[in-house]
PDB file of N, CA and C in Angstrom:
ATOM      1  N   MET A   1      58.750 135.036 -16.180  1.00  0.00           N
ATOM      2  CA  MET A   1      58.861 133.651 -15.014  1.00  0.00           C
ATOM      3  C   MET A   1      58.634 132.533 -15.252  1.00  0.00           C
ATOM      4  N   ALA A   2      59.022 131.481 -14.596  1.00  0.00           N
ATOM      5  CA  ALA A   2      59.737 130.332 -15.314  1.00  0.00           C
ATOM      6  C   ALA A   2      58.786 129.217 -14.694  1.00  0.00           C
ATOM      7  N   GLU A   3      58.186 128.376 -15.107  1.00  0.00           N
ATOM      8  CA  GLU A   3      57.509 127.308 -14.419  1.00  0.00           C
ATOM      9  C   GLU A   3      57.560 125.982 -13.726  1.00  0.00           C
ATOM     10  N   THR A   4      58.637 124.848 -14.663  1.00  0.00           N
ATOM     11  CA  THR A   4      59.595 124.257 -13.772  1.00  0.00           C
ATOM     12  C   THR A   4      61.185 124.989 -13.741  1.00  0.00           C
ATOM     13  N   ILE A   5      61.822 124.062 -13.173  1.00  0.00           N
ATOM     14  CA  ILE A   5      63.152 124.188 -12.046  1.00  0.00           C
ATOM     15  C   ILE A   5      63.872 124.390 -13.377  1.00  0.00           C
ATOM     16  N   ASP A   6      63.424 123.603 -14.427  1.00  0.00           N
ATOM     17  CA  ASP A   6      64.988 123.630 -15.619  1.00  0.00           C
ATOM     18  C   ASP A   6      64.637 124.898 -16.661  1.00  0.00           C
ATOM     19  N   GLU A   7      63.239 125.748 -15.787  1.00  0.00           N
ATOM     20  CA  GLU A   7      63.427 126.886 -17.307  1.00  0.00           C
ATOM     21  C   GLU A   7      64.405 128.163 -16.215  1.00  0.00           C
ATOM     22  N   ILE A   8      64.527 128.107 -15.163  1.00  0.00           N
ATOM     23  CA  ILE A   8      64.919 129.375 -14.347  1.00  0.00           C
ATOM     24  C   ILE A   8      66.998 128.765 -14.862  1.00  0.00           C
ATOM     25  N   SER A   9      66.361 130.623 -15.455  1.00  0.00           N
ATOM     26  CA  SER A   9      67.931 131.204 -15.964  1.00  0.00           C
ATOM     27  C   SER A   9      68.789 132.684 -15.598  1.00  0.00           C
ATOM     28  N   ILE A  10      69.895 132.686 -15.420  1.00  0.00           N
ATOM     29  CA  ILE A  10      69.994 134.227 -15.225  1.00  0.00           C
ATOM     30  C   ILE A  10      70.577 135.333 -16.429  1.00  0.00           C
ATOM     31  N   ASN A  11      69.846 134.868 -17.407  1.00  0.00           N
ATOM     32  CA  ASN A  11      70.687 136.001 -18.599  1.00  0.00           C
ATOM     33  C   ASN A  11      68.987 136.224 -18.933  1.00  0.00           C
ATOM     34  N   TYR A  12      69.999 137.812 -18.732  1.00  0.00           N
ATOM     35  CA  TYR A  12      70.047 138.774 -19.073  1.00  0.00           C
ATOM     36  C   TYR A  12      70.011 139.686 -20.026  1.00  0.00           C
ATOM     37  N   GLU A  13      69.023 140.045 -20.562  1.00  0.00           N
ATOM     38  CA  GLU A  13      69.426 140.794 -21.834  1.00  0.00           C
ATOM     39  C   GLU A  13      68.449 142.216 -21.383  1.00  0.00           C
ATOM     40  N   ASP A  14      69.233 143.586 -22.273  1.00  0.00           N
ATOM     41  CA  ASP A  14      68.818 144.937 -22.121  1.00  0.00           C
ATOM     42  C   ASP A  14      67.258 144.753 -23.373  1.00  0.00           C
ATOM     43  N   GLU A  15      66.851 146.256 -23.164  1.00  0.00           N
ATOM     44  CA  GLU A  15      66.037 146.626 -24.509  1.00  0.00           C
ATOM     45  C   GLU A  15      66.379 146.278 -25.748  1.00  0.00           C
ATOM     46  N   GLN A  16      67.376 145.984 -26.111  1.00  0.00           N
ATOM     47  CA  GLN A  16      68.634 146.249 -27.052  1.00  0.00           C
ATOM     48  C   GLN A  16      68.523 144.175 -27.229  1.00  0.00           C
ATOM     49  N   GLY A  17      68.090 144.096 -26.535  1.00  0.00           N
ATOM     50  CA  GLY A  17      68.294 142.611 -27.113  1.00  0.00           C
ATOM     51  C   GLY A  17      70.060 142.525 -26.721  1.00  0.00           C
ATOM     52  N   ARG A  18      70.829 142.606 -26.092  1.00  0.00           N
ATOM     53  CA  ARG A  18      72.215 142.680 -25.828  1.00  0.00           C
ATOM     54  C   ARG A  18      72.596 141.877 -24.780  1.00  0.00           C
ATOM     55  N   LEU A  19      73.098 140.838 -24.715  1.00  0.00           N
ATOM     56  CA  LEU A  19      72.985 139.823 -23.076  1.00  0.00           C
ATOM     57  C   LEU A  19      74.445 140.527 -22.609  1.00  0.00           C
ATOM     58  N   LEU A  20      73.654 140.947 -21.118  1.00  0.00           N
ATOM     59  CA  LEU A  20      74.045 141.937 -20.007  1.00  0.00           C
ATOM     60  C   LEU A  20      74.526 140.224 -19.108  1.00  0.00           C
ATOM     61  N   VAL A  21      74.096 139.212 -18.953  1.00  0.00           N
ATOM     62  CA  VAL A  21      74.950 138.421 -18.151  1.00  0.00           C
ATOM     63  C   VAL A  21      74.155 136.915 -19.085  1.00  0.00           C
ATOM     64  N   LYS A  22      75.405 136.964 -18.828  1.00  0.00           N
ATOM     65  CA  LYS A  22      75.818 134.983 -19.675  1.00  0.00           C
ATOM     66  C   LYS A  22      75.441 134.383 -18.963  1.00  0.00           C
ATOM     67  N   GLU A  23      74.601 133.149 -18.828  1.00  0.00           N
ATOM     68  CA  GLU A  23      74.808 131.822 -18.358  1.00  0.00           C
ATOM     69  C   GLU A  23      75.355 130.531 -19.143  1.00  0.00           C
ATOM     70  N   LEU A  24      76.703 130.176 -17.639  1.00  0.00           N
ATOM     71  CA  LEU A  24      77.437 129.603 -18.329  1.00  0.00           C
ATOM     72  C   LEU A  24      77.266 128.002 -18.119  1.00  0.00           C
ATOM     73  N   LYS A  25      77.229 127.958 -16.754  1.00  0.00           N
ATOM     74  CA  LYS A  25      76.019 126.332 -16.227  1.00  0.00           C
ATOM     75  C   LYS A  25      75.971 126.771 -14.877  1.00  0.00           C
ATOM     76  N   LYS A  26      75.037 126.223 -14.972  1.00  0.00           N
ATOM     77  CA  LYS A  26      74.010 125.536 -14.120  1.00  0.00           C
ATOM     78  C   LYS A  26      73.883 124.299 -12.678  1.00  0.00           C
ATOM     79  N   GLU A  27      74.280 124.495 -11.412  1.00  0.00           N
ATOM     80  CA  GLU A  27      74.098 122.334 -10.980  1.00  0.00           C
ATOM     81  C   GLU A  27      72.512 123.203  -9.940  1.00  0.00           C
ATOM     82  N   ILE A  28      71.596 122.122 -10.180  1.00  0.00           N
ATOM     83  CA  ILE A  28      70.639 122.728  -8.819  1.00  0.00           C
ATOM     84  C   ILE A  28      70.936 121.336  -8.215  1.00  0.00           C
ATOM     85  N   LEU A  29      70.710 122.492  -6.511  1.00  0.00           N
ATOM     86  CA  LEU A  29      70.981 122.110  -5.286  1.00  0.00           C
ATOM     87  C   LEU A  29      70.120 121.345  -4.682  1.00  0.00           C
ATOM     88  N   THR A  30      69.184 121.891  -5.388  1.00  0.00           N
ATOM     89  CA  THR A  30      68.235 121.179  -4.496  1.00  0.00           C
ATOM     90  C   THR A  30      66.289 121.368  -5.026  1.00  0.00           C
ATOM     91  N   ARG A  31      65.668 120.655  -5.054  1.00  0.00           N
ATOM     92  CA  ARG A  31      64.619 120.994  -5.513  1.00  0.00           C
ATOM     93  C   ARG A  31      63.316 120.685  -5.313  1.00  0.00           C
ATOM     94  N   GLY A  32      62.499 120.817  -5.145  1.00  0.00           N
ATOM     95  CA  GLY A  32      61.384 121.111  -4.592  1.00  0.00           C
ATOM     96  C   GLY A  32      60.651 123.037  -4.825  1.00  0.00           C
ATOM     97  N   SER A  33      59.508 123.053  -3.583  1.00  0.00           N
ATOM     98  CA  SER A  33      58.722 124.404  -3.946  1.00  0.00           C
ATOM     99  C   SER A  33      59.228 125.880  -3.926  1.00  0.00           C
ATOM    100  N   TRP A  34      60.441 124.867  -2.382  1.00  0.00           N
ATOM    101  CA  TRP A  34      62.025 125.426  -2.590  1.00  0.00           C
ATOM    102  C   TRP A  34      63.133 125.102  -3.068  1.00  0.00           C
ATOM    103  N   THR A  35      63.403 125.572  -3.361  1.00  0.00           N
ATOM    104  CA  THR A  35      64.962 125.175  -4.937  1.00  0.00           C
ATOM    105  C   THR A  35      66.003 125.901  -4.357  1.00  0.00           C
ATOM    106  N   THR A  36      67.186 125.439  -5.168  1.00  0.00           N
ATOM    107  CA  THR A  36      68.404 126.079  -4.196  1.00  0.00           C
ATOM    108  C   THR A  36      69.152 125.477  -6.253  1.00  0.00           C
ATOM    109  N   ILE A  37      70.286 126.551  -6.611  1.00  0.00           N
ATOM    110  CA  ILE A  37      70.422 126.630  -7.532  1.00  0.00           C
ATOM    111  C   ILE A  37      71.478 127.418  -7.724  1.00  0.00           C
ATOM    112  N   LEU A  38      73.083 127.078  -7.831  1.00  0.00           N
ATOM    113  CA  LEU A  38      74.668 127.822  -8.067  1.00  0.00           C
ATOM    114  C   LEU A  38      75.158 128.011  -9.799  1.00  0.00           C
ATOM    115  N   PHE A  39      75.195 128.501  -9.754  1.00  0.00           N
ATOM    116  CA  PHE A  39      74.875 129.009 -11.162  1.00  0.00           C
ATOM    117  C   PHE A  39      76.295 130.028 -11.082  1.00  0.00           C
ATOM    118  N   LEU A  40      77.334 129.912 -12.897  1.00  0.00           N
ATOM    119  CA  LEU A  40      78.286 129.902 -12.888  1.00  0.00           C
ATOM    120  C   LEU A  40      78.033 131.512 -14.363  1.00  0.00           C
ATOM    121  N   TYR A  41      78.579 132.764 -14.126  1.00  0.00           N
ATOM    122  CA  TYR A  41      77.587 133.548 -15.015  1.00  0.00           C
ATOM    123  C   TYR A  41      79.227 134.648 -15.303  1.00  0.00           C
ATOM    124  N   GLN A  42      78.698 134.989 -16.788  1.00  0.00           N
ATOM    125  CA  GLN A  42      79.667 135.800 -16.754  1.00  0.00           C
ATOM    126  C   GLN A  42      78.992 137.298 -17.158  1.00  0.00           C
ATOM    127  N   GLU A  43      79.528 138.812 -16.749  1.00  0.00           N
ATOM    128  CA  GLU A  43      78.769 139.905 -16.219  1.00  0.00           C
ATOM    129  C   GLU A  43      79.607 140.453 -18.465  1.00  0.00           C
ATOM    130  N   LEU A  44      78.090 141.413 -19.057  1.00  0.00           N
ATOM    131  CA  LEU A  44      78.768 142.235 -20.512  1.00  0.00           C
ATOM    132  C   LEU A  44      79.251 143.238 -19.775  1.00  0.00           C
ATOM    133  N   ASP A  45      80.352 144.054 -19.767  1.00  0.00           N
ATOM    134  CA  ASP A  45      81.093 145.106 -19.832  1.00  0.00           C
ATOM    135  C   ASP A  45      80.405 146.237 -20.836  1.00  0.00           C
ATOM    136  N   LYS A  46      80.089 146.895 -20.426  1.00  0.00           N
ATOM    137  CA  LYS A  46      79.434 147.911 -21.896  1.00  0.00           C
ATOM    138  C   LYS A  46      80.599 148.973 -22.171  1.00  0.00           C
ATOM    139  N   LYS A  47      81.343 148.921 -21.647  1.00  0.00           N
ATOM    140  CA  LYS A  47      82.424 149.264 -22.348  1.00  0.00           C
ATOM    141  C   LYS A  47      83.621 149.130 -23.376  1.00  0.00           C
ATOM    142  N   THR A  48      83.273 148.176 -23.150  1.00  0.00           N
ATOM    143  CA  THR A  48      83.746 147.732 -24.116  1.00  0.00           C
ATOM    144  C   THR A  48      84.234 146.083 -24.995  1.00  0.00           C
ATOM    145  N   GLY A  49      82.461 146.152 -24.778  1.00  0.00           N
ATOM    146  CA  GLY A  49      81.744 145.164 -24.933  1.00  0.00           C
ATOM    147  C   GLY A  49      82.230 143.981 -24.921  1.00  0.00           C
ATOM    148  N   GLU A  50      83.429 143.322 -23.769  1.00  0.00           N
ATOM    149  CA  GLU A  50      83.190 142.035 -23.766  1.00  0.00           C
ATOM    150  C   GLU A  50      83.138 141.333 -22.253  1.00  0.00           C
ATOM    151  N   TYR A  51      82.989 140.068 -22.312  1.00  0.00           N
ATOM    152  CA  TYR A  51      82.662 139.706 -20.912  1.00  0.00           C
ATOM    153  C   TYR A  51      83.161 139.633 -20.164  1.00  0.00           C
ATOM    154  N   GLY A  52      83.578 140.290 -19.079  1.00  0.00           N
ATOM    155  CA  GLY A  52      84.027 139.869 -18.183  1.00  0.00           C
ATOM    156  C   GLY A  52      84.276 138.849 -16.944  1.00  0.00           C
ATOM    157  N   PRO A  53      85.631 138.511 -15.567  1.00  0.00           N
ATOM    158  CA  PRO A  53      85.816 137.470 -15.503  1.00  0.00           C
ATOM    159  C   PRO A  53      84.834 136.497 -14.845  1.00  0.00           C
ATOM    160  N   GLU A  54      84.053 134.861 -14.515  1.00  0.00           N
ATOM    161  CA  GLU A  54      83.532 134.446 -14.342  1.00  0.00           C
ATOM    162  C   GLU A  54      83.554 134.618 -13.489  1.00  0.00           C
ATOM    163  N   LYS A  55      82.319 133.878 -12.076  1.00  0.00           N
ATOM    164  CA  LYS A  55      81.484 134.648 -11.381  1.00  0.00           C
ATOM    165  C   LYS A  55      80.902 133.470 -10.937  1.00  0.00           C
ATOM    166  N   ALA A  56      80.329 133.200  -9.934  1.00  0.00           N
ATOM    167  CA  ALA A  56      79.157 132.599  -9.191  1.00  0.00           C
ATOM    168  C   ALA A  56      78.274 133.317  -8.253  1.00  0.00           C
ATOM    169  N   THR A  57      77.265 132.108  -8.889  1.00  0.00           N
ATOM    170  CA  THR A  57      75.420 133.380  -7.656  1.00  0.00           C
ATOM    171  C   THR A  57      74.622 131.528  -6.714  1.00  0.00           C
ATOM    172  N   ILE A  58      74.689 131.598  -6.020  1.00  0.00           N
ATOM    173  CA  ILE A  58      74.045 130.735  -5.373  1.00  0.00           C
ATOM    174  C   ILE A  58      72.620 131.655  -5.055  1.00  0.00           C
ATOM    175  N   ARG A  59      71.264 130.991  -5.777  1.00  0.00           N
ATOM    176  CA  ARG A  59      70.319 131.350  -6.019  1.00  0.00           C
ATOM    177  C   ARG A  59      68.568 131.155  -5.562  1.00  0.00           C
ATOM    178  N   ARG A  60      68.069 131.361  -4.012  1.00  0.00           N
ATOM    179  CA  ARG A  60      66.428 130.613  -3.552  1.00  0.00           C
ATOM    180  C   ARG A  60      65.952 130.965  -4.485  1.00  0.00           C
ATOM    181  N   TYR A  61      64.592 130.298  -4.817  1.00  0.00           N
ATOM    182  CA  TYR A  61      63.378 130.177  -5.827  1.00  0.00           C
ATOM    183  C   TYR A  61      62.821 129.214  -4.966  1.00  0.00           C
ATOM    184  N   LYS A  62      61.396 130.022  -4.557  1.00  0.00           N
ATOM    185  CA  LYS A  62      60.248 129.619  -4.361  1.00  0.00           C
ATOM    186  C   LYS A  62      58.549 129.432  -4.500  1.00  0.00           C
ATOM    187  N   LYS A  63      58.444 128.607  -5.450  1.00  0.00           N
ATOM    188  CA  LYS A  63      57.181 128.422  -6.013  1.00  0.00           C
ATOM    189  C   LYS A  63      56.117 129.115  -5.560  1.00  0.00           C
ATOM    190  N   GLN A  64      55.407 130.052  -6.339  1.00  0.00           N
ATOM    191  CA  GLN A  64      54.571 130.518  -6.090  1.00  0.00           C
ATOM    192  C   GLN A  64      52.716 130.503  -6.780  1.00  0.00           C
ATOM    193  N   GLY A  65      52.075 130.347  -6.493  1.00  0.00           N
ATOM    194  CA  GLY A  65      51.347 131.184  -8.120  1.00  0.00           C
ATOM    195  C   GLY A  65      51.725 129.767  -9.225  1.00  0.00           C
ATOM    196  N   GLY A  66      52.515 128.745  -9.405  1.00  0.00           N
ATOM    197  CA  GLY A  66      53.031 128.085 -10.232  1.00  0.00           C
ATOM    198  C   GLY A  66      53.880 128.419 -10.885  1.00  0.00           C
ATOM    199  N   TYR A  67      54.163 129.464 -10.584  1.00  0.00           N
ATOM    200  CA  TYR A  67      55.658 130.095 -10.774  1.00  0.00           C
ATOM    201  C   TYR A  67      56.673 130.273  -9.824  1.00  0.00           C
ATOM    202  N   PHE A  68      58.753 129.553  -9.938  1.00  0.00           N
ATOM    203  CA  PHE A  68      59.182 130.049  -9.213  1.00  0.00           C
ATOM    204  C   PHE A  68      59.714 131.396  -9.488  1.00  0.00           C
ATOM    205  N   ARG A  69      59.389 132.401  -8.217  1.00  0.00           N
ATOM    206  CA  ARG A  69      59.983 133.412  -7.618  1.00  0.00           C
ATOM    207  C   ARG A  69      61.741 133.714  -7.075  1.00  0.00           C
ATOM    208  N   PRO A  70      62.099 134.541  -7.471  1.00  0.00           N
ATOM    209  CA  PRO A  70      63.478 134.527  -6.303  1.00  0.00           C
ATOM    210  C   PRO A  70      63.267 135.009  -4.845  1.00  0.00           C
ATOM    211  N   GLN A  71      63.917 134.510  -4.328  1.00  0.00           N
ATOM    212  CA  GLN A  71      63.987 134.773  -3.158  1.00  0.00           C
ATOM    213  C   GLN A  71      65.101 135.821  -2.529  1.00  0.00           C
ATOM    214  N   SER A  72      65.981 135.110  -2.962  1.00  0.00           N
ATOM    215  CA  SER A  72      66.957 134.966  -2.199  1.00  0.00           C
ATOM    216  C   SER A  72      68.333 135.083  -2.768  1.00  0.00           C
ATOM    217  N   LYS A  73      69.794 135.599  -2.978  1.00  0.00           N
ATOM    218  CA  LYS A  73      70.675 135.642  -3.186  1.00  0.00           C
ATOM    219  C   LYS A  73      71.682 135.280  -2.407  1.00  0.00           C
ATOM    220  N   PHE A  74      72.905 134.477  -2.981  1.00  0.00           N
ATOM    221  CA  PHE A  74      74.742 135.401  -2.778  1.00  0.00           C
ATOM    222  C   PHE A  74      75.258 135.223  -3.718  1.00  0.00           C
ATOM    223  N   ASN A  75      75.956 136.577  -4.373  1.00  0.00           N
ATOM    224  CA  ASN A  75      76.800 136.488  -5.904  1.00  0.00           C
ATOM    225  C   ASN A  75      78.678 135.986  -4.701  1.00  0.00           C
ATOM    226  N   ILE A  76      79.238 135.178  -5.708  1.00  0.00           N
ATOM    227  CA  ILE A  76      80.850 134.720  -5.229  1.00  0.00           C
ATOM    228  C   ILE A  76      81.002 135.840  -6.465  1.00  0.00           C
ATOM    229  N   SER A  77      82.466 137.339  -5.764  1.00  0.00           N
ATOM    230  CA  SER A  77      82.957 137.569  -6.844  1.00  0.00           C
ATOM    231  C   SER A  77      84.118 137.274  -7.924  1.00  0.00           C
ATOM    232  N   ASN A  78      83.977 136.440  -7.115  1.00  0.00           N
ATOM    233  CA  ASN A  78      85.642 136.657  -7.821  1.00  0.00           C
ATOM    234  C   ASN A  78      86.195 134.645  -8.311  1.00  0.00           C
ATOM    235  N   LYS A  79      86.810 134.563  -8.855  1.00  0.00           N
ATOM    236  CA  LYS A  79      87.791 133.194  -8.712  1.00  0.00           C
ATOM    237  C   LYS A  79      88.626 132.474  -6.647  1.00  0.00           C
ATOM    238  N   LYS A  80      89.105 133.813  -6.304  1.00  0.00           N
ATOM    239  CA  LYS A  80      90.153 133.535  -5.106  1.00  0.00           C
ATOM    240  C   LYS A  80      88.699 134.043  -3.962  1.00  0.00           C
ATOM    241  N   GLN A  81      87.780 134.085  -4.079  1.00  0.00           N
ATOM    242  CA  GLN A  81      86.796 133.941  -2.759  1.00  0.00           C
ATOM    243  C   GLN A  81      86.189 132.373  -3.275  1.00  0.00           C
ATOM    244  N   ALA A  82      85.382 132.190  -3.883  1.00  0.00           N
ATOM    245  CA  ALA A  82      84.859 130.870  -4.235  1.00  0.00           C
ATOM    246  C   ALA A  82      86.208 129.743  -3.977  1.00  0.00           C
ATOM    247  N   LEU A  83      87.243 129.632  -4.153  1.00  0.00           N
ATOM    248  CA  LEU A  83      88.485 128.930  -3.797  1.00  0.00           C
ATOM    249  C   LEU A  83      87.643 128.603  -2.396  1.00  0.00           C
ATOM    250  N   LYS A  84      88.389 129.833  -1.508  1.00  0.00           N
ATOM    251  CA  LYS A  84      88.081 129.883  -0.100  1.00  0.00           C
ATOM    252  C   LYS A  84      86.895 129.359   0.608  1.00  0.00           C
ATOM    253  N   ILE A  85      85.422 129.954  -0.276  1.00  0.00           N
ATOM    254  CA  ILE A  85      84.641 129.107   0.419  1.00  0.00           C
ATOM    255  C   ILE A  85      84.591 127.387  -0.404  1.00  0.00           C
ATOM    256  N   ALA A  86      85.182 127.123  -1.405  1.00  0.00           N
ATOM    257  CA  ALA A  86      85.530 126.043  -0.913  1.00  0.00           C
ATOM    258  C   ALA A  86      85.571 125.291  -0.721  1.00  0.00           C
ATOM    259  N   LYS A  87      87.472 125.747  -0.148  1.00  0.00           N
ATOM    260  CA  LYS A  87      87.678 125.045   0.845  1.00  0.00           C
ATOM    261  C   LYS A  87      87.860 124.988   2.367  1.00  0.00           C
ATOM    262  N   ILE A  88      87.354 126.226   2.310  1.00  0.00           N
ATOM    263  CA  ILE A  88      86.975 125.754   4.251  1.00  0.00           C
ATOM    264  C   ILE A  88      85.546 125.213   4.404  1.00  0.00           C
ATOM    265  N   LEU A  89      84.367 124.868   3.134  1.00  0.00           N
ATOM    266  CA  LEU A  89      82.890 123.668   3.059  1.00  0.00           C
ATOM    267  C   LEU A  89      84.331 122.685   3.208  1.00  0.00           C
ATOM    268  N   THR A  90      85.193 122.331   2.351  1.00  0.00           N
ATOM    269  CA  THR A  90      85.628 120.921   1.620  1.00  0.00           C
ATOM    270  C   THR A  90      86.624 120.260   3.682  1.00  0.00           C
ATOM    271  N   GLU A  91      87.080 121.518   4.577  1.00  0.00           N
ATOM    272  CA  GLU A  91      87.454 121.479   5.866  1.00  0.00           C
ATOM    273  C   GLU A  91      86.531 121.396   6.777  1.00  0.00           C
ATOM    274  N   TRP A  92      85.551 121.543   6.553  1.00  0.00           N
ATOM    275  CA  TRP A  92      84.291 121.269   7.420  1.00  0.00           C
ATOM    276  C   TRP A  92      83.532 119.551   7.419  1.00  0.00           C
ATOM    277  N   PHE A  93      83.219 119.695   5.980  1.00  0.00           N
ATOM    278  CA  PHE A  93      82.095 118.693   6.074  1.00  0.00           C
ATOM    279  C   PHE A  93      83.211 117.662   5.633  1.00  0.00           C
ATOM    280  N   SER A  94      84.718 117.739   5.446  1.00  0.00           N
ATOM    281  CA  SER A  94      85.375 116.082   5.609  1.00  0.00           C
ATOM    282  C   SER A  94      85.922 115.579   6.658  1.00  0.00           C
ATOM    283  N   LYS A  95      85.475 116.207   7.822  1.00  0.00           N
ATOM    284  CA  LYS A  95      86.227 115.202   9.429  1.00  0.00           C
ATOM    285  C   LYS A  95      85.099 114.169   9.323  1.00  0.00           C
ATOM    286  N   ASP A  96      85.448 113.063  10.175  1.00  0.00           N
ATOM    287  CA  ASP A  96      84.255 111.861  10.328  1.00  0.00           C
ATOM    288  C   ASP A  96      84.181 112.895  12.105  1.00  0.00           C
ATOM    289  N   ASP A  97      82.188 112.525  12.035  1.00  0.00           N
ATOM    290  CA  ASP A  97      81.740 113.058  13.200  1.00  0.00           C
ATOM    291  C   ASP A  97      81.814 111.854  13.906  1.00  0.00           C
TER     292      ASP A  97
END
């Protein structure tokens, strides 16, 4: 577990040391005892040994007992979904109030 926000990662290895989830990029959206991070990542296809397409996930962490613990996550499963979310958010938030 991570003690600081900068130590938080979604890299994940199996028992043999193979990197099953490879973090490509990380953007910290909010800092504090409740932290939100956007990650870009790839998953290893165990059959081919190759990493699959890029995906994104938004994760929330809460600091408890000196460590950041995962609280919730939303996975963006493909490029089409990511672009649709970005388009809608841009439309919603680019309007003048």
